[in-house]
Amino acid sequence: MSRRRTLIEAAGWLFFVGVALYFSFDFNEPLPGFKFGAAHWPHVIIAFMTVAAGVLIAAQFLKGRRIEGQADQFFDEIEEDIEKLKPRTVAMFILPLLWVFGMHKIGFLIATPIFIFICTWLMGVRSWRTLLGFTSCFYVSLVLIFYKWVFTPLPMGAGWFHSLNGEIIGLVQ
């Protein structure tokens, strides 16, 4: 990937971070149960994204000039059709949108393990043991972090999914 292309990508991420910050300042007031406000965790994620974009930019200036004809070994192993848009790539971009939609319909606690499982499968993991093990461990970690450590209310879903999510939260707490 050329240096110019990488810098454009980093600038795109910084633009996205700026837009996210702009929209998140509207709900930065303290909450009754959380003094940092609803925007605290989005701001933490935005800060990490800013650092990552900064590292991407800095890496472009620190790695020096490449000599023409000398490619890294990594580039020798890349598939020839790397720039083609594949259905799996499109699915990876659509899946988070479906997850967010699903969270509001069926709740975080039900939509998330489905999302993790499908996302892991799309990334190429085909072993059922690995798929189920990773999904379970990652899901349990998320639930413990958000419900036991951070005490964050997440979407509960609608209708009887709301009740089902309430029962799951009752088991966790």
Protein backbone atom coordinates (compact mmCIF):
# COMPACT_ATOMS: atom_id res chain seq x y z
CA MET A 1 0.00 0.00 0.00
CA SER A 2 1.42 3.34 -0.93
CA ARG A 3 2.26 5.97 1.64
CA ARG A 4 -0.23 8.41 0.10
CA ARG A 5 -3.04 5.88 0.24
CA THR A 6 -2.30 5.09 3.89
CA LEU A 7 -2.28 8.78 4.78
CA ILE A 8 -5.64 9.22 3.02
CA GLU A 9 -7.02 6.29 5.02
CA ALA A 10 -5.74 7.79 8.28
CA ALA A 11 -7.23 11.17 7.35
CA GLY A 12 -10.56 9.43 6.70
CA TRP A 13 -10.44 7.83 10.14
CA LEU A 14 -9.61 11.19 11.74
CA PHE A 15 -12.53 12.78 9.90
CA PHE A 16 -14.81 9.99 11.19
CA VAL A 17 -13.48 10.54 14.73
CA GLY A 18 -14.17 14.27 14.43
CA VAL A 19 -17.75 13.65 13.32
CA ALA A 20 -18.28 11.14 16.13
CA LEU A 21 -16.92 13.61 18.70
CA TYR A 22 -19.15 16.37 17.34
CA PHE A 23 -22.28 14.24 17.69
CA SER A 24 -21.33 12.79 21.08
CA PHE A 25 -21.00 16.14 22.88
CA ASP A 26 -24.80 16.54 22.89
CA PHE A 27 -25.19 13.76 25.44
CA ASN A 28 -22.19 14.41 27.66
CA GLU A 29 -24.17 15.44 30.76
CA PRO A 30 -23.78 13.39 33.97
CA LEU A 31 -26.33 10.62 34.52
CA PRO A 32 -27.92 9.78 37.89
CA GLY A 33 -26.05 6.48 38.14
CA PHE A 34 -22.91 7.36 36.15
CA LYS A 35 -21.20 10.68 36.79
CA PHE A 36 -19.16 10.63 33.56
CA GLY A 37 -22.26 10.76 31.37
CA ALA A 38 -23.49 8.66 28.47
CA ALA A 39 -20.71 9.85 26.18
CA HIS A 40 -17.89 8.53 28.40
CA TRP A 41 -17.41 5.15 26.73
CA PRO A 42 -17.88 6.46 23.19
CA HIS A 43 -15.20 9.04 24.02
CA VAL A 44 -12.86 6.29 25.25
CA ILE A 45 -13.35 4.40 21.97
CA ILE A 46 -12.90 7.62 19.98
CA ALA A 47 -9.65 8.28 21.86
CA PHE A 48 -8.35 4.82 20.92
CA MET A 49 -9.33 5.42 17.29
CA THR A 50 -7.46 8.74 17.34
CA VAL A 51 -4.34 7.09 18.75
CA ALA A 52 -4.56 4.31 16.13
CA ALA A 53 -4.87 6.86 13.30
CA GLY A 54 -1.93 8.81 14.77
CA VAL A 55 0.19 5.65 14.89
CA LEU A 56 -0.77 4.89 11.29
CA ILE A 57 0.36 8.36 10.21
CA ALA A 58 3.56 8.24 12.28
CA ALA A 59 4.43 4.80 10.91
CA GLN A 60 4.36 6.17 7.39
CA PHE A 61 7.07 8.67 8.23
CA LEU A 62 9.19 6.40 10.43
CA LYS A 63 9.53 3.37 8.18
CA GLY A 64 11.72 5.21 5.70
CA ARG A 65 11.95 4.83 1.96
CA ARG A 66 11.51 1.51 0.27
CA ILE A 67 13.91 0.52 -2.43
CA GLU A 68 12.07 -0.27 -5.66
CA GLY A 69 11.90 -4.01 -6.27
CA GLN A 70 12.37 -4.98 -2.64
CA ALA A 71 9.04 -5.98 -1.18
CA ASP A 72 8.40 -7.33 2.25
CA GLN A 73 7.88 -11.07 2.48
CA PHE A 74 4.31 -10.34 3.53
CA PHE A 75 3.50 -8.86 0.14
CA ASP A 76 4.72 -12.01 -1.61
CA GLU A 77 2.04 -14.03 0.22
CA ILE A 78 -0.94 -11.80 -0.60
CA GLU A 79 -3.56 -13.19 -2.96
CA GLU A 80 -3.63 -11.78 -6.47
CA ASP A 81 -7.29 -10.69 -6.30
CA ILE A 82 -6.90 -8.80 -3.02
CA GLU A 83 -8.55 -5.63 -4.31
CA LYS A 84 -11.68 -7.36 -5.62
CA LEU A 85 -14.87 -6.86 -3.64
CA LYS A 86 -16.01 -10.24 -2.38
CA PRO A 87 -19.38 -11.20 -0.86
CA ARG A 88 -17.65 -12.02 2.40
CA THR A 89 -16.21 -8.49 2.56
CA VAL A 90 -19.63 -6.97 1.89
CA ALA A 91 -21.13 -9.21 4.59
CA MET A 92 -18.51 -7.99 7.10
CA PHE A 93 -19.64 -4.41 6.49
CA ILE A 94 -23.37 -5.22 6.62
CA LEU A 95 -23.18 -7.49 9.68
CA PRO A 96 -22.55 -4.71 12.25
CA LEU A 97 -25.53 -2.80 10.88
CA LEU A 98 -27.71 -5.88 11.29
CA TRP A 99 -26.32 -6.34 14.80
CA VAL A 100 -27.28 -2.80 15.81
CA PHE A 101 -30.75 -3.28 14.29
CA GLY A 102 -31.05 -6.64 16.04
CA MET A 103 -30.02 -5.17 19.39
CA HIS A 104 -33.03 -2.87 19.33
CA LYS A 105 -35.40 -5.65 18.27
CA ILE A 106 -34.16 -8.67 20.25
CA GLY A 107 -31.75 -7.06 22.73
CA PHE A 108 -28.01 -6.97 23.27
CA LEU A 109 -27.86 -10.23 25.19
CA ILE A 110 -29.47 -12.26 22.40
CA ALA A 111 -28.12 -10.45 19.32
CA THR A 112 -24.48 -10.35 20.44
CA PRO A 113 -23.63 -14.07 20.52
CA ILE A 114 -25.22 -14.46 17.07
CA PHE A 115 -23.15 -11.52 15.80
CA ILE A 116 -19.90 -12.86 17.31
CA PHE A 117 -20.50 -16.34 15.87
CA ILE A 118 -21.27 -15.11 12.33
CA CYS A 119 -18.46 -12.56 12.39
CA THR A 120 -15.95 -15.18 13.47
CA TRP A 121 -17.19 -17.57 10.78
CA LEU A 122 -16.91 -14.84 8.12
CA MET A 123 -13.31 -14.24 9.19
CA GLY A 124 -12.50 -17.79 8.20
CA VAL A 125 -12.80 -19.86 11.38
CA ARG A 126 -14.48 -23.14 10.39
CA SER A 127 -13.88 -25.39 13.40
CA TRP A 128 -17.12 -25.75 15.38
CA ARG A 129 -15.17 -26.20 18.59
CA THR A 130 -13.24 -22.95 18.02
CA LEU A 131 -16.34 -21.07 16.87
CA LEU A 132 -18.40 -22.06 19.89
CA GLY A 133 -15.51 -21.70 22.34
CA PHE A 134 -14.50 -18.24 21.13
CA THR A 135 -18.11 -17.05 20.90
CA SER A 136 -18.84 -18.25 24.43
CA CYS A 137 -15.70 -16.80 26.01
CA PHE A 138 -15.96 -13.45 24.22
CA TYR A 139 -19.67 -13.16 24.95
CA VAL A 140 -19.25 -13.97 28.64
CA SER A 141 -16.41 -11.43 28.83
CA LEU A 142 -18.59 -8.72 27.27
CA VAL A 143 -21.51 -9.48 29.57
CA LEU A 144 -19.31 -9.43 32.67
CA ILE A 145 -17.60 -6.20 31.63
CA PHE A 146 -20.78 -4.33 30.75
CA TYR A 147 -23.10 -5.65 33.48
CA LYS A 148 -20.79 -6.42 36.40
CA TRP A 149 -17.91 -3.97 35.99
CA VAL A 150 -19.24 -0.92 34.11
CA PHE A 151 -22.95 -1.24 35.00
CA THR A 152 -23.99 -0.13 31.52
CA PRO A 153 -27.62 -0.50 30.49
CA LEU A 154 -27.72 -1.96 26.99
CA PRO A 155 -30.70 -2.39 24.64
CA MET A 156 -33.20 -4.89 26.03
CA GLY A 157 -35.20 -5.56 22.88
CA ALA A 158 -38.92 -5.29 22.34
CA GLY A 159 -41.87 -7.45 23.36
CA TRP A 160 -41.14 -10.79 24.93
CA PHE A 161 -37.43 -10.38 24.07
CA HIS A 162 -37.37 -7.61 26.67
CA SER A 163 -38.56 -10.07 29.30
CA LEU A 164 -36.11 -12.74 28.14
CA ASN A 165 -33.20 -10.28 28.34
CA GLY A 166 -34.39 -9.31 31.83
CA GLU A 167 -34.24 -12.96 32.89
CA ILE A 168 -30.71 -13.30 31.49
CA ILE A 169 -29.61 -10.17 33.39
CA GLY A 170 -31.17 -11.67 36.52
CA LEU A 171 -28.94 -14.73 36.08
CA VAL A 172 -25.85 -12.56 35.62
CA GLN A 173 -26.49 -10.35 38.62
